[in-house]
Amino acid sequence: MDSKKMMEIAVKAADEKHANDIKVLNISEVSIMADYFVIMDAGSQRQVDAIVQSVLDKAGENNIEIGHVEGNRNSEWVLIDLHDIVIHVFTSEKRDFYNLEKLWSDAPEVDISGLVTE
């Protein structure tokens, strides 16, 4: 499965759990670490956990290899490594603090409007 399809599966899984302000950055031209960063936040740690579980479940259902998960229950930032896709799930406060979108501002944002509900 190509990285674009894996990214779409992850975005839809997060959207199903009402992740806030999902952004996808195409980092393939600015880093060798991955093709996409998927960044989102949630209003509570419980919602962070639900989003993470949804992404992991959908990855498993689609035979996407999960490289590593950093963070655990009650973490304010969980990173899911799907090798070519790196997913960041923050609480709102931590997302504002780390501001990955600014840090990776050289990477173009991917239009995911067809993948998420308004």
C-alpha atoms as a PDB file:
ATOM      1  CA  MET A   1       0.000   0.000   0.000  1.00  0.00           C
ATOM      2  CA  ASP A   2       1.382   3.413  -0.860  1.00  0.00           C
ATOM      3  CA  SER A   3       1.918   6.119   1.713  1.00  0.00           C
ATOM      4  CA  LYS A   4      -0.873   8.341   0.357  1.00  0.00           C
ATOM      5  CA  LYS A   5      -3.455   5.594   0.901  1.00  0.00           C
ATOM      6  CA  MET A   6      -2.096   4.927   4.414  1.00  0.00           C
ATOM      7  CA  MET A   7      -2.329   8.641   5.196  1.00  0.00           C
ATOM      8  CA  GLU A   8      -5.942   8.725   3.990  1.00  0.00           C
ATOM      9  CA  ILE A   9      -6.849   5.751   6.226  1.00  0.00           C
ATOM     10  CA  ALA A  10      -5.253   7.446   9.248  1.00  0.00           C
ATOM     11  CA  VAL A  11      -6.993  10.774   8.571  1.00  0.00           C
ATOM     12  CA  LYS A  12     -10.399   9.117   8.224  1.00  0.00           C
ATOM     13  CA  ALA A  13      -9.846   7.101  11.426  1.00  0.00           C
ATOM     14  CA  ALA A  14      -8.976  10.275  13.348  1.00  0.00           C
ATOM     15  CA  ASP A  15     -11.908  12.148  11.847  1.00  0.00           C
ATOM     16  CA  GLU A  16     -14.287   9.381  12.957  1.00  0.00           C
ATOM     17  CA  LYS A  17     -13.297  10.217  16.546  1.00  0.00           C
ATOM     18  CA  HIS A  18     -13.758  13.963  15.930  1.00  0.00           C
ATOM     19  CA  ALA A  19     -10.099  14.977  15.985  1.00  0.00           C
ATOM     20  CA  ASN A  20      -9.701  18.761  15.842  1.00  0.00           C
ATOM     21  CA  ASP A  21      -8.050  20.640  12.991  1.00  0.00           C
ATOM     22  CA  ILE A  22      -6.390  17.714  11.203  1.00  0.00           C
ATOM     23  CA  LYS A  23      -3.467  18.909   9.097  1.00  0.00           C
ATOM     24  CA  VAL A  24      -1.333  16.819   6.759  1.00  0.00           C
ATOM     25  CA  LEU A  25       2.106  18.015   5.734  1.00  0.00           C
ATOM     26  CA  ASN A  26       3.938  16.451   2.820  1.00  0.00           C
ATOM     27  CA  ILE A  27       7.442  16.267   4.277  1.00  0.00           C
ATOM     28  CA  SER A  28       8.898  14.011   1.560  1.00  0.00           C
ATOM     29  CA  GLU A  29      10.771  16.902  -0.069  1.00  0.00           C
ATOM     30  CA  VAL A  30      12.172  18.351   3.169  1.00  0.00           C
ATOM     31  CA  SER A  31      13.013  15.219   5.167  1.00  0.00           C
ATOM     32  CA  ILE A  32      13.963  11.606   4.609  1.00  0.00           C
ATOM     33  CA  MET A  33      12.194  10.531   7.796  1.00  0.00           C
ATOM     34  CA  ALA A  34       8.723  10.043   6.256  1.00  0.00           C
ATOM     35  CA  ASP A  35       6.386  11.124   3.473  1.00  0.00           C
ATOM     36  CA  TYR A  36       3.648  12.695   5.604  1.00  0.00           C
ATOM     37  CA  PHE A  37       3.107  14.188   9.040  1.00  0.00           C
ATOM     38  CA  VAL A  38      -0.501  14.030  10.202  1.00  0.00           C
ATOM     39  CA  ILE A  39      -1.112  16.513  13.020  1.00  0.00           C
ATOM     40  CA  MET A  40      -4.263  16.919  15.081  1.00  0.00           C
ATOM     41  CA  ASP A  41      -5.493  17.703  18.547  1.00  0.00           C
ATOM     42  CA  ALA A  42      -8.249  16.696  20.921  1.00  0.00           C
ATOM     43  CA  GLY A  43     -10.118  18.472  23.685  1.00  0.00           C
ATOM     44  CA  SER A  44      -9.181  15.939  26.366  1.00  0.00           C
ATOM     45  CA  GLN A  45      -6.746  13.131  27.102  1.00  0.00           C
ATOM     46  CA  ARG A  46      -9.628  10.671  26.851  1.00  0.00           C
ATOM     47  CA  GLN A  47     -10.294  11.857  23.295  1.00  0.00           C
ATOM     48  CA  VAL A  48      -6.559  11.600  22.495  1.00  0.00           C
ATOM     49  CA  ASP A  49      -6.732   7.959  23.601  1.00  0.00           C
ATOM     50  CA  ALA A  50      -9.834   7.318  21.475  1.00  0.00           C
ATOM     51  CA  ILE A  51      -8.225   8.847  18.376  1.00  0.00           C
ATOM     52  CA  VAL A  52      -5.023   6.872  18.856  1.00  0.00           C
ATOM     53  CA  GLN A  53      -6.964   3.636  19.295  1.00  0.00           C
ATOM     54  CA  SER A  54      -9.033   4.337  16.185  1.00  0.00           C
ATOM     55  CA  VAL A  55      -5.915   4.941  14.076  1.00  0.00           C
ATOM     56  CA  LEU A  56      -4.243   1.792  15.424  1.00  0.00           C
ATOM     57  CA  ASP A  57      -7.387  -0.285  14.809  1.00  0.00           C
ATOM     58  CA  LYS A  58      -7.744   0.942  11.217  1.00  0.00           C
ATOM     59  CA  ALA A  59      -4.043   0.368  10.577  1.00  0.00           C
ATOM     60  CA  GLY A  60      -4.406  -3.205  11.795  1.00  0.00           C
ATOM     61  CA  GLU A  61      -7.544  -3.808   9.731  1.00  0.00           C
ATOM     62  CA  ASN A  62      -5.675  -2.627   6.634  1.00  0.00           C
ATOM     63  CA  ASN A  63      -2.469  -4.576   7.326  1.00  0.00           C
ATOM     64  CA  ILE A  64      -0.458  -1.395   7.832  1.00  0.00           C
ATOM     65  CA  GLU A  65       2.648  -2.113   9.853  1.00  0.00           C
ATOM     66  CA  ILE A  66       2.858  -0.071  13.038  1.00  0.00           C
ATOM     67  CA  GLY A  67       6.459   0.855  13.679  1.00  0.00           C
ATOM     68  CA  HIS A  68       6.205   2.365  17.124  1.00  0.00           C
ATOM     69  CA  VAL A  69       3.890   4.300  19.409  1.00  0.00           C
ATOM     70  CA  GLU A  70       5.370   6.966  21.690  1.00  0.00           C
ATOM     71  CA  GLY A  71       3.257   8.032  24.628  1.00  0.00           C
ATOM     72  CA  ASN A  72       0.592   6.116  26.486  1.00  0.00           C
ATOM     73  CA  ARG A  73      -2.755   6.568  28.141  1.00  0.00           C
ATOM     74  CA  ASN A  74      -3.051  10.013  29.651  1.00  0.00           C
ATOM     75  CA  SER A  75      -0.253  11.398  27.469  1.00  0.00           C
ATOM     76  CA  GLU A  76      -0.724  14.868  26.076  1.00  0.00           C
ATOM     77  CA  TRP A  77       1.147  13.962  22.887  1.00  0.00           C
ATOM     78  CA  VAL A  78       1.090  10.548  21.255  1.00  0.00           C
ATOM     79  CA  LEU A  79       3.173   9.803  18.190  1.00  0.00           C
ATOM     80  CA  ILE A  80       2.249   6.874  15.940  1.00  0.00           C
ATOM     81  CA  ASP A  81       4.950   5.761  13.518  1.00  0.00           C
ATOM     82  CA  LEU A  82       3.571   4.026  10.443  1.00  0.00           C
ATOM     83  CA  HIS A  83       7.009   4.297   8.788  1.00  0.00           C
ATOM     84  CA  ASP A  84       6.125   6.580   5.860  1.00  0.00           C
ATOM     85  CA  ILE A  85       3.432   8.339   7.906  1.00  0.00           C
ATOM     86  CA  VAL A  86       4.020   9.903  11.317  1.00  0.00           C
ATOM     87  CA  ILE A  87       0.870  10.787  13.222  1.00  0.00           C
ATOM     88  CA  HIS A  88       0.881  13.320  16.057  1.00  0.00           C
ATOM     89  CA  VAL A  89      -2.129  13.442  18.374  1.00  0.00           C
ATOM     90  CA  PHE A  90      -1.971  16.270  20.901  1.00  0.00           C
ATOM     91  CA  THR A  91      -4.151  17.799  23.526  1.00  0.00           C
ATOM     92  CA  SER A  92      -5.015  21.304  22.345  1.00  0.00           C
ATOM     93  CA  GLU A  93      -2.636  22.943  24.817  1.00  0.00           C
ATOM     94  CA  LYS A  94       0.345  20.812  23.806  1.00  0.00           C
ATOM     95  CA  ARG A  95      -0.315  21.339  20.112  1.00  0.00           C
ATOM     96  CA  ASP A  96      -0.245  25.094  20.626  1.00  0.00           C
ATOM     97  CA  PHE A  97       2.960  24.784  22.657  1.00  0.00           C
ATOM     98  CA  TYR A  98       4.930  22.631  20.185  1.00  0.00           C
ATOM     99  CA  ASN A  99       3.464  24.193  17.017  1.00  0.00           C
ATOM    100  CA  LEU A 100       4.784  21.537  14.615  1.00  0.00           C
ATOM    101  CA  GLU A 101       3.116  23.239  11.682  1.00  0.00           C
ATOM    102  CA  LYS A 102       5.417  26.233  12.138  1.00  0.00           C
ATOM    103  CA  LEU A 103       8.461  24.062  12.751  1.00  0.00           C
ATOM    104  CA  TRP A 104       7.796  22.212   9.478  1.00  0.00           C
ATOM    105  CA  SER A 105       6.562  25.260   7.552  1.00  0.00           C
ATOM    106  CA  ASP A 106       8.739  24.350   4.533  1.00  0.00           C
ATOM    107  CA  ALA A 107       6.531  21.309   3.963  1.00  0.00           C
ATOM    108  CA  PRO A 108       3.429  21.910   1.843  1.00  0.00           C
ATOM    109  CA  GLU A 109       0.036  21.212   3.386  1.00  0.00           C
ATOM    110  CA  VAL A 110      -2.036  18.491   1.723  1.00  0.00           C
ATOM    111  CA  ASP A 111      -5.684  19.220   0.904  1.00  0.00           C
ATOM    112  CA  ILE A 112      -7.690  16.677   2.903  1.00  0.00           C
ATOM    113  CA  SER A 113     -11.063  18.403   2.599  1.00  0.00           C
ATOM    114  CA  GLY A 114     -12.480  15.350   0.802  1.00  0.00           C
ATOM    115  CA  LEU A 115     -11.437  13.061   3.660  1.00  0.00           C
ATOM    116  CA  VAL A 116     -12.871  14.870   6.685  1.00  0.00           C
ATOM    117  CA  THR A 117     -16.273  16.072   7.785  1.00  0.00           C
ATOM    118  CA  GLU A 118     -16.807  19.748   8.509  1.00  0.00           C
END
